[in-house]
Amino acid sequence: MESVDPDPEIAALTHFWCPPAALLYRREIVERIGSWSKDLPIIQDARFLMDAALQRARFAHVPGVGAYYRVHGHSLSRANASAFLRDCLENAVQVEEFWRQNGGLTDERANAVLQVLSYVTRATFKTDHETFCRALSFARRIRPGWFPKGSRSFRLLSSVVGYPRSESGALAYRSLKRLLCGLNLSARTSD
């Protein structure tokens, strides 16, 4: 966990995850947390880890294989990407609220929440307008004028025409690039 971020709360919110079978929790922490979060059905395991961090659990890495985990397309997070992204957004909202009520929203914590919101906005722009708008609005409450990090040209375009329009342009650019790469590949194979 420390390899992701020295702060376990930030690590658990942003990039750290491992299968629940590879984690052991002290009974005291489990009793403080309670049951899995029913309002986040797709990411309950990640939220339980987050709740342990929020309850000031200490984390220790034990070398070796803790569990084997099979990744397949039928897992909840892969089978329903929209639900997964909505859960990620709701989790970020809940964690941000917890931080505000318990010690404040530091710059590091705000940046961690914005990392999640960056992922959610970019992933939902084309497929889930409601979640996109909610994530963007929430991000801009945290940091007015916010837009996700991107290339220098993306940042420039976002500052000139606004983030949603620049995301639309980036989406069109990526689609065109895929099309041209596909045409180039098919031209090579037909030779």
Foldseek 3Di string as FASTA:
>chain_A
DVVQPVQQLLCLLAPDDDDPQLDDDDPVLCVVQDDFDPVLVQPSVSVSSNSSSVVVHDDDDDDDDSDDDDDDCPRSCNVCVVSVLLSSLVSLVVVQVSCCVPPHCDPSNLVSSVNSLQVSLLVPLPPPVVSNVVSVVVNCVSPNLDHDDDDPVLVVCCVVVNNSVSSVVVVVVVVVVVVVVVVVVVVVVVD
